[in-house]
Amino acid sequence: MTAPSRRVHPAWWVAVVTFLALVGAAAFRAVPGVLIEPLQAEFGWSTSTISAAVGLNMALYGLTAPFAAALMERFGIRRVVVGALLVVAVGSGLTVFMTAPWQLVLCWGLLVGLGTGSMAMSLVATVTGRWFVARRGLVSGVLTAGGAAGQLVFLPVVASISAAHGWRPAALGTTVAALAVVPLVAFFLRDRPSDVGAVPLGGTAADEPPRSTGNAARTALAGLALAARTRVFWLLAAGFAICGATTNGLVQPHFIPAAHDHGMPVTTAASLLALVGLFDIAGTIASGWLTDRVDPRLLLLAYYSLRGLSLFLLPPLFGSDLQASMIAFIVFYGLDWVATVPPTLALCRQHFGPRAPVVFGWVFASHQLGSAAAAYSAGVVRDVTGSYDGAWYGAALLCLVAAGLSIAIRRGRSSAAVPPEREAAAEDAVVRG
């Protein structure tokens, strides 16, 4: 089978639709950070109560990712993404009727968490693995950066709608956005190049991964069982958990209310987070370029150390007026937002070989568990002390711990790249329970 002559390879259309789905999913997850203040004003709920829903959302976003790939293997990418968008639409739409905290946990925590988790790193890995041979690294970087930046870029829009018309129109706006992406996914997102008579971009028919005939969920669990026996996995997972805690868990949901505590308008604080998202794109692409040339452990050491320094300096920068020093923090912190992803993925490849995608899925799950813990803990700190300062300083110390964990990883390939017979034995162990 040879690729037909076309002006635009169908892989690019798949990448565009995937990008839109990822940015949309990121926007849905960003909304609760803007709505903390309005929900408190209307219902009198505490910060920790609202943070519990945000924390559940983040935890499910990570834990769903390794198994979303199994669903894509069984039912196809298009069906899974369409189903995920519909779940997100239902979850965000039902919030307008809620009157109790458990309903917030159900809608924004459970439903939106499961829906967005099905459109996370597993979607990026599946699309790039099936549709691209050439430009695979570039496309992976753009999709990853777009998904991360989308969480922040939409914040000013949501904040403006909430300020002008209330939080319910803002929530309904995410419902409309989810439903608007569904037709694009249904008509333009295809599962495999062979489905449209094409081959992967830059490759041949032999480069298209074979259709899975086994139990993908069992394979994912077997990958976890093997990785968990190694020291490097726990170092990567612990470091990435701290990465999540000091970005998605702390800054994304709590930066706006923390700035508002010091008199800064919500729309101004949301715009600052949007700038973080913009600079994140440049930082992630640059980090990918550096990862090909510099020891990934040294990059992680630098990223975590500099992030810790910036978080330690943040509390005094808050104020009612926008200062140049705050802009400097936003630029510096934005460049470092998800710069840790390329070197972490590179270390997974070095130490786990063909198992790297599955192992990275579980490392990413630890990232979101760290995010969930920080989202809830920061809310508790605010309720107990009346300030977020303790959360910022605690996160700064955690970053130094992550820097130490990263440099403690051995260089080169480890024994974690296990032979096939051990992989089969691990899968058999999973089956036996």
Protein backbone atom coordinates (compact mmCIF):
# COMPACT_ATOMS: atom_id res chain seq x y z
CA MET A 1 0.00 0.00 0.00
CA THR A 2 1.39 3.40 -0.95
CA ALA A 3 0.34 6.85 0.09
CA PRO A 4 -1.89 8.61 -2.43
CA SER A 5 -0.76 11.91 -3.87
CA ARG A 6 -2.32 14.72 -1.86
CA ARG A 7 -1.50 18.31 -1.14
CA VAL A 8 -2.09 17.85 2.59
CA HIS A 9 -1.41 14.53 4.25
CA PRO A 10 -4.44 13.38 6.31
CA ALA A 11 -2.19 13.07 9.36
CA TRP A 12 -2.13 16.85 9.61
CA TRP A 13 -5.93 17.04 9.72
CA VAL A 14 -5.93 14.43 12.47
CA ALA A 15 -3.32 16.47 14.36
CA VAL A 16 -5.37 19.66 14.03
CA VAL A 17 -8.55 18.01 15.33
CA THR A 18 -6.59 16.36 18.15
CA PHE A 19 -5.12 19.74 19.04
CA LEU A 20 -8.58 21.30 19.24
CA ALA A 21 -9.85 18.46 21.42
CA LEU A 22 -6.86 18.78 23.77
CA VAL A 23 -7.14 22.55 24.05
CA GLY A 24 -10.87 22.22 24.69
CA ALA A 25 -10.32 19.58 27.37
CA ALA A 26 -7.73 21.82 29.01
CA ALA A 27 -10.15 24.75 28.98
CA PHE A 28 -12.82 22.65 30.73
CA ARG A 29 -10.38 21.79 33.49
CA ALA A 30 -9.36 25.43 33.95
CA VAL A 31 -12.84 26.69 34.79
CA PRO A 32 -13.00 25.71 38.50
CA GLY A 33 -10.02 27.95 39.32
CA VAL A 34 -11.98 30.97 38.11
CA LEU A 35 -15.22 29.94 39.81
CA ILE A 36 -13.87 29.49 43.36
CA GLU A 37 -14.73 33.06 44.35
CA PRO A 38 -18.24 33.12 42.76
CA LEU A 39 -19.16 29.75 44.30
CA GLN A 40 -18.02 30.93 47.71
CA ALA A 41 -20.04 34.12 47.34
CA GLU A 42 -23.27 32.31 46.34
CA PHE A 43 -23.16 29.12 48.42
CA GLY A 44 -20.77 29.99 51.24
CA TRP A 45 -18.66 26.90 50.56
CA SER A 46 -15.12 26.87 51.97
CA THR A 47 -12.03 26.87 49.78
CA SER A 48 -11.15 23.36 50.93
CA THR A 49 -14.63 22.08 49.96
CA ILE A 50 -14.33 23.44 46.42
CA SER A 51 -10.71 22.27 46.26
CA ALA A 52 -11.86 18.71 46.97
CA ALA A 53 -13.77 18.70 43.67
CA VAL A 54 -10.79 20.19 41.84
CA GLY A 55 -8.50 17.60 43.44
CA LEU A 56 -10.73 14.70 42.37
CA ASN A 57 -10.81 16.13 38.85
CA MET A 58 -7.01 16.21 38.69
CA ALA A 59 -6.59 12.73 40.16
CA LEU A 60 -9.01 11.16 37.67
CA TYR A 61 -7.40 13.11 34.84
CA GLY A 62 -4.18 11.25 35.56
CA LEU A 63 -5.49 7.84 36.57
CA THR A 64 -7.78 7.62 33.54
CA ALA A 65 -4.97 8.24 31.06
CA PRO A 66 -3.26 4.79 31.17
CA PHE A 67 -6.60 3.04 30.61
CA ALA A 68 -7.90 5.44 27.97
CA ALA A 69 -5.38 3.91 25.57
CA ALA A 70 -6.98 0.52 26.22
CA LEU A 71 -10.38 1.91 25.27
CA MET A 72 -8.91 3.45 22.11
CA GLU A 73 -7.47 0.09 21.12
CA ARG A 74 -10.79 -1.63 21.69
CA PHE A 75 -13.27 0.94 20.36
CA GLY A 76 -11.16 3.38 18.32
CA ILE A 77 -9.89 6.91 18.90
CA ARG A 78 -12.92 8.66 17.44
CA ARG A 79 -15.51 6.87 19.58
CA VAL A 80 -13.54 7.39 22.78
CA VAL A 81 -12.95 11.11 22.16
CA VAL A 82 -16.58 11.74 21.17
CA GLY A 83 -17.76 9.90 24.28
CA ALA A 84 -15.32 11.86 26.44
CA LEU A 85 -16.54 15.20 25.05
CA LEU A 86 -20.15 14.24 25.74
CA VAL A 87 -19.28 13.28 29.33
CA VAL A 88 -17.56 16.65 29.79
CA ALA A 89 -20.59 18.46 28.34
CA VAL A 90 -22.94 16.66 30.73
CA GLY A 91 -20.69 17.29 33.73
CA SER A 92 -20.26 21.01 33.08
CA GLY A 93 -23.89 21.51 32.06
CA LEU A 94 -25.32 19.94 35.22
CA THR A 95 -23.39 22.33 37.47
CA VAL A 96 -25.93 25.08 36.82
CA PHE A 97 -28.49 23.07 38.81
CA MET A 98 -26.29 22.20 41.80
CA THR A 99 -27.16 23.29 45.33
CA ALA A 100 -24.83 21.12 47.44
CA PRO A 101 -21.05 20.48 47.49
CA TRP A 102 -21.41 16.78 46.62
CA GLN A 103 -22.98 17.81 43.32
CA LEU A 104 -19.90 19.89 42.50
CA VAL A 105 -17.72 16.88 43.31
CA LEU A 106 -19.88 14.67 41.08
CA CYS A 107 -20.00 17.07 38.12
CA TRP A 108 -16.63 18.83 38.03
CA GLY A 109 -14.73 16.19 39.98
CA LEU A 110 -15.98 12.86 38.64
CA LEU A 111 -17.57 13.50 35.23
CA VAL A 112 -15.27 16.22 33.92
CA GLY A 113 -12.25 14.41 35.41
CA LEU A 114 -13.09 11.17 33.60
CA GLY A 115 -13.92 12.95 30.34
CA THR A 116 -10.80 15.09 30.17
CA GLY A 117 -8.64 12.18 31.37
CA SER A 118 -9.68 10.27 28.26
CA MET A 119 -8.21 13.08 26.15
CA ALA A 120 -4.88 13.41 27.92
CA MET A 121 -1.38 12.05 27.24
CA SER A 122 -2.77 8.74 26.00
CA LEU A 123 -4.44 10.55 23.09
CA VAL A 124 -1.19 12.31 22.17
CA ALA A 125 0.78 9.06 22.30
CA THR A 126 -1.81 7.14 20.27
CA VAL A 127 -2.23 9.75 17.53
CA THR A 128 1.49 10.41 17.07
CA GLY A 129 2.33 6.71 17.22
CA ARG A 130 -0.20 5.76 14.53
CA TRP A 131 -0.13 8.72 12.17
CA PHE A 132 3.44 10.05 12.25
CA VAL A 133 6.93 8.74 11.61
CA ALA A 134 8.45 12.00 10.41
CA ARG A 135 7.85 15.05 12.66
CA ARG A 136 6.72 12.81 15.51
CA GLY A 137 8.70 14.72 18.12
CA LEU A 138 7.53 18.09 16.84
CA VAL A 139 3.87 17.05 16.78
CA SER A 140 4.11 15.51 20.25
CA GLY A 141 5.64 18.72 21.59
CA VAL A 142 3.03 20.96 19.99
CA LEU A 143 0.12 18.81 21.22
CA THR A 144 1.55 18.60 24.73
CA ALA A 145 2.25 22.34 24.90
CA GLY A 146 -1.14 23.17 23.43
CA GLY A 147 -2.95 21.03 25.96
CA ALA A 148 -1.05 22.55 28.87
CA ALA A 149 -1.35 26.12 27.61
CA GLY A 150 -5.06 25.71 26.93
CA GLN A 151 -5.68 25.39 30.65
CA LEU A 152 -4.44 28.95 31.09
CA VAL A 153 -5.19 30.77 27.84
CA PHE A 154 -8.95 30.40 28.29
CA LEU A 155 -8.89 31.76 31.83
CA PRO A 156 -9.37 35.45 30.88
CA VAL A 157 -12.37 34.54 28.70
CA VAL A 158 -14.02 32.50 31.44
CA ALA A 159 -13.21 35.16 34.04
CA SER A 160 -14.73 37.92 31.89
CA ILE A 161 -17.92 35.95 31.28
CA SER A 162 -18.19 35.12 34.98
CA ALA A 163 -17.62 38.75 36.01
CA ALA A 164 -20.12 40.14 33.51
CA HIS A 165 -22.86 37.51 33.53
CA GLY A 166 -22.22 35.16 36.49
CA TRP A 167 -20.61 31.75 36.84
CA ARG A 168 -23.50 29.78 35.29
CA PRO A 169 -23.05 31.23 31.77
CA ALA A 170 -19.33 30.49 32.10
CA ALA A 171 -20.08 26.86 32.95
CA LEU A 172 -22.59 26.58 30.12
CA GLY A 173 -20.01 28.05 27.76
CA THR A 174 -17.77 25.04 28.35
CA THR A 175 -20.72 22.77 27.60
CA VAL A 176 -21.28 24.51 24.27
CA ALA A 177 -17.55 24.33 23.50
CA ALA A 178 -17.48 20.58 24.15
CA LEU A 179 -20.48 19.96 21.94
CA ALA A 180 -19.02 22.16 19.19
CA VAL A 181 -15.90 19.98 18.94
CA VAL A 182 -17.93 16.74 18.65
CA PRO A 183 -18.78 17.14 14.89
CA LEU A 184 -15.13 17.91 14.07
CA VAL A 185 -14.00 14.76 15.86
CA ALA A 186 -16.77 12.64 14.32
CA PHE A 187 -16.02 13.70 10.73
CA PHE A 188 -12.26 14.35 10.66
CA LEU A 189 -10.63 12.19 13.34
CA ARG A 190 -9.84 8.75 11.95
CA ASP A 191 -8.40 5.85 13.89
CA ARG A 192 -5.66 4.74 11.48
CA PRO A 193 -4.03 5.87 8.21
CA SER A 194 -5.16 2.63 6.54
CA ASP A 195 -8.78 3.62 7.22
CA VAL A 196 -8.42 6.39 4.60
CA GLY A 197 -6.05 4.57 2.27
CA ALA A 198 -2.94 6.34 3.52
CA VAL A 199 0.26 5.51 5.39
CA PRO A 200 1.85 7.29 8.39
CA LEU A 201 3.46 10.61 7.51
CA GLY A 202 7.05 9.94 6.48
CA GLY A 203 6.66 6.17 6.71
CA THR A 204 5.22 3.12 5.02
CA ALA A 205 2.38 0.74 5.73
CA ALA A 206 4.75 -1.32 7.88
CA ASP A 207 5.14 1.64 10.25
CA GLU A 208 1.48 1.61 11.23
CA PRO A 209 1.18 -0.20 14.58
CA PRO A 210 -0.73 -3.49 14.31
CA ARG A 211 -4.23 -3.67 15.65
CA SER A 212 -4.25 -4.94 19.21
CA THR A 213 -5.68 -8.41 19.74
CA GLY A 214 -4.91 -8.62 23.44
CA ASN A 215 -6.20 -6.91 26.53
CA ALA A 216 -4.63 -3.46 26.53
CA ALA A 217 -5.68 -2.80 30.13
CA ARG A 218 -3.83 -5.95 31.19
CA THR A 219 -0.75 -4.72 29.34
CA ALA A 220 -0.94 -1.36 31.11
CA LEU A 221 -1.14 -3.04 34.52
CA ALA A 222 1.73 -5.38 33.62
CA GLY A 223 3.83 -2.34 32.68
CA LEU A 224 3.14 -0.84 36.08
CA ALA A 225 3.99 -4.12 37.82
CA LEU A 226 7.37 -4.27 36.07
CA ALA A 227 8.23 -0.60 36.51
CA ALA A 228 7.30 -0.60 40.20
CA ARG A 229 10.14 -3.05 40.87
CA THR A 230 12.73 -0.49 39.82
CA ARG A 231 14.27 2.42 41.69
CA VAL A 232 14.25 4.73 38.68
CA PHE A 233 10.47 4.50 38.32
CA TRP A 234 9.87 5.70 41.87
CA LEU A 235 12.36 8.54 41.46
CA LEU A 236 10.65 9.67 38.26
CA ALA A 237 7.17 9.24 39.71
CA ALA A 238 7.98 11.14 42.91
CA GLY A 239 9.64 13.97 41.00
CA PHE A 240 6.75 14.23 38.55
CA ALA A 241 4.23 14.19 41.41
CA ILE A 242 5.98 17.26 42.79
CA CYS A 243 5.92 18.77 39.30
CA GLY A 244 2.14 18.40 39.24
CA ALA A 245 1.78 19.71 42.77
CA THR A 246 3.71 22.89 41.96
CA THR A 247 1.92 23.64 38.67
CA ASN A 248 -1.55 22.20 37.99
CA GLY A 249 -2.30 21.58 41.65
CA LEU A 250 -1.21 24.84 43.23
CA VAL A 251 -0.81 27.63 40.68
CA GLN A 252 -3.60 26.79 38.25
CA PRO A 253 -6.54 26.73 40.72
CA HIS A 254 -5.17 28.95 43.51
CA PHE A 255 -3.17 31.73 41.87
CA ILE A 256 -6.30 33.74 41.05
CA PRO A 257 -7.89 33.60 44.54
CA ALA A 258 -4.46 34.25 46.12
CA ALA A 259 -4.01 37.36 43.96
CA HIS A 260 -7.57 38.42 44.77
CA ASP A 261 -6.74 38.15 48.49
CA HIS A 262 -4.24 40.96 47.90
CA GLY A 263 -6.70 43.15 46.00
CA MET A 264 -5.84 42.18 42.43
CA PRO A 265 -8.90 41.97 40.13
CA VAL A 266 -9.82 38.44 39.06
CA THR A 267 -9.64 39.32 35.37
CA THR A 268 -6.10 40.69 35.80
CA ALA A 269 -4.95 37.56 37.63
CA ALA A 270 -6.54 35.36 34.96
CA SER A 271 -4.72 37.32 32.25
CA LEU A 272 -1.43 36.70 34.05
CA LEU A 273 -2.09 32.96 34.03
CA ALA A 274 -2.88 33.19 30.34
CA LEU A 275 0.60 34.67 29.83
CA VAL A 276 2.03 31.69 31.69
CA GLY A 277 0.33 29.48 29.09
CA LEU A 278 1.78 31.46 26.19
CA PHE A 279 5.34 31.36 27.50
CA ASP A 280 4.86 27.68 28.33
CA ILE A 281 4.68 26.89 24.60
CA ALA A 282 8.10 28.43 23.98
CA GLY A 283 9.56 26.80 27.08
CA THR A 284 8.32 23.33 26.18
CA ILE A 285 9.61 23.45 22.61
CA ALA A 286 12.99 24.77 23.81
CA SER A 287 13.14 22.04 26.45
CA GLY A 288 12.57 19.40 23.78
CA TRP A 289 15.45 20.85 21.75
CA LEU A 290 17.73 20.84 24.82
CA THR A 291 16.76 17.30 25.78
CA ASP A 292 18.36 16.03 22.56
CA ARG A 293 21.63 17.72 23.51
CA VAL A 294 21.90 17.81 27.33
CA ASP A 295 21.69 15.15 30.03
CA PRO A 296 17.96 15.06 30.95
CA ARG A 297 18.82 14.68 34.63
CA LEU A 298 20.70 17.99 34.58
CA LEU A 299 17.78 19.67 32.87
CA LEU A 300 15.37 18.43 35.54
CA LEU A 301 17.79 19.56 38.26
CA ALA A 302 17.83 23.05 36.75
CA TYR A 303 14.08 23.21 36.07
CA TYR A 304 12.99 22.15 39.56
CA SER A 305 15.59 24.30 41.32
CA LEU A 306 14.63 27.43 39.37
CA ARG A 307 10.92 26.73 39.86
CA GLY A 308 11.47 26.42 43.60
CA LEU A 309 13.30 29.74 43.67
CA SER A 310 10.52 31.48 41.75
CA LEU A 311 7.79 30.11 44.05
CA PHE A 312 9.77 31.17 47.12
CA LEU A 313 9.92 34.74 45.78
CA LEU A 314 6.24 34.87 44.75
CA PRO A 315 4.33 35.82 47.97
CA PRO A 316 5.86 39.31 48.32
CA LEU A 317 5.02 40.06 44.68
CA PHE A 318 1.25 39.94 45.19
CA GLY A 319 -0.48 43.29 45.39
CA SER A 320 -3.46 45.28 44.18
CA ASP A 321 -1.42 46.80 41.33
CA LEU A 322 0.43 44.95 38.60
CA GLN A 323 4.17 45.34 39.11
CA ALA A 324 7.07 44.65 36.76
CA SER A 325 8.41 42.09 39.21
CA MET A 326 5.18 40.07 38.89
CA ILE A 327 5.46 40.17 35.10
CA ALA A 328 9.02 38.87 35.41
CA PHE A 329 7.79 35.99 37.57
CA ILE A 330 5.08 35.12 35.04
CA VAL A 331 7.57 35.02 32.15
CA PHE A 332 10.14 32.98 34.07
CA TYR A 333 7.63 30.59 35.60
CA GLY A 334 5.78 30.19 32.30
CA LEU A 335 8.92 29.03 30.51
CA ASP A 336 9.29 26.33 33.18
CA TRP A 337 5.60 25.26 33.38
CA VAL A 338 5.81 21.88 31.58
CA ALA A 339 9.44 22.04 30.47
CA THR A 340 9.92 18.96 32.65
CA VAL A 341 7.93 16.73 30.25
CA PRO A 342 10.54 16.19 27.47
CA PRO A 343 13.43 15.20 29.79
CA THR A 344 11.14 13.01 31.91
CA LEU A 345 9.93 11.20 28.79
CA ALA A 346 13.53 10.86 27.57
CA LEU A 347 14.54 9.21 30.85
CA CYS A 348 11.62 6.80 30.53
CA ARG A 349 12.86 5.87 27.05
CA GLN A 350 16.42 5.38 28.30
CA HIS A 351 15.48 3.13 31.20
CA PHE A 352 12.37 1.30 30.02
CA GLY A 353 12.85 0.88 26.27
CA PRO A 354 9.71 -0.35 24.47
CA ARG A 355 7.75 -0.11 27.72
CA ALA A 356 8.39 3.64 27.90
CA PRO A 357 4.94 4.84 26.69
CA VAL A 358 3.09 2.71 29.26
CA VAL A 359 5.51 3.58 32.04
CA PHE A 360 5.29 7.28 31.20
CA GLY A 361 1.51 6.98 31.43
CA TRP A 362 1.86 5.84 35.03
CA VAL A 363 4.46 8.53 35.77
CA PHE A 364 1.95 11.04 34.39
CA ALA A 365 -0.68 9.54 36.71
CA SER A 366 1.61 10.36 39.64
CA HIS A 367 1.84 13.92 38.28
CA GLN A 368 -1.92 14.28 38.57
CA LEU A 369 -2.08 12.64 42.00
CA GLY A 370 0.43 15.25 43.15
CA SER A 371 -1.77 17.91 41.55
CA ALA A 372 -4.83 16.63 43.39
CA ALA A 373 -3.05 16.56 46.75
CA ALA A 374 -1.75 20.10 46.30
CA ALA A 375 -5.09 21.46 45.09
CA TYR A 376 -6.81 20.25 48.25
CA SER A 377 -3.93 21.01 50.65
CA ALA A 378 -3.58 24.60 49.46
CA GLY A 379 -7.30 25.13 50.09
CA VAL A 380 -6.90 23.80 53.63
CA VAL A 381 -3.89 26.08 54.23
CA ARG A 382 -5.94 29.07 53.10
CA ASP A 383 -8.90 28.15 55.34
CA VAL A 384 -6.75 27.48 58.42
CA THR A 385 -4.22 30.32 58.18
CA GLY A 386 -6.17 32.88 56.15
CA SER A 387 -3.32 33.08 53.62
CA TYR A 388 -1.75 31.04 50.83
CA ASP A 389 1.82 31.92 51.88
CA GLY A 390 2.44 28.57 53.56
CA ALA A 391 1.41 26.76 50.39
CA TRP A 392 3.83 28.76 48.22
CA TYR A 393 6.78 28.23 50.57
CA GLY A 394 5.98 24.54 50.98
CA ALA A 395 5.88 24.10 47.20
CA ALA A 396 9.25 25.82 46.89
CA LEU A 397 10.80 23.29 49.29
CA LEU A 398 9.20 20.39 47.41
CA CYS A 399 10.82 21.60 44.20
CA LEU A 400 14.25 21.27 45.82
CA VAL A 401 13.33 17.70 46.79
CA ALA A 402 12.36 16.97 43.16
CA ALA A 403 15.69 18.37 41.98
CA GLY A 404 17.52 15.96 44.29
CA LEU A 405 15.40 13.00 43.16
CA SER A 406 16.11 13.77 39.51
CA ILE A 407 19.88 13.94 39.81
CA ALA A 408 19.82 10.69 41.84
CA ILE A 409 18.66 8.76 38.74
CA ARG A 410 21.47 6.69 37.23
CA ARG A 411 22.79 7.67 33.82
CA GLY A 412 22.19 5.49 30.78
CA ARG A 413 20.06 2.43 30.29
CA SER A 414 19.13 0.44 33.37
CA SER A 415 18.03 -3.10 33.90
CA ALA A 416 14.46 -1.88 33.83
CA ALA A 417 14.32 -2.64 30.11
CA VAL A 418 13.24 -6.19 30.77
CA PRO A 419 13.27 -9.07 28.30
CA PRO A 420 10.04 -10.31 26.69
CA GLU A 421 9.81 -13.41 28.87
CA ARG A 422 9.62 -11.26 32.00
CA GLU A 423 6.96 -9.06 30.37
CA ALA A 424 4.87 -12.14 29.62
CA ALA A 425 5.31 -13.37 33.17
CA ALA A 426 4.19 -10.03 34.51
CA GLU A 427 1.05 -10.09 32.36
CA ASP A 428 0.29 -13.59 33.57
CA ALA A 429 0.67 -12.37 37.15
CA VAL A 430 -1.83 -9.56 36.46
CA VAL A 431 -4.34 -12.07 35.07
CA ARG A 432 -3.95 -14.26 38.15
CA GLY A 433 -4.52 -11.18 40.31
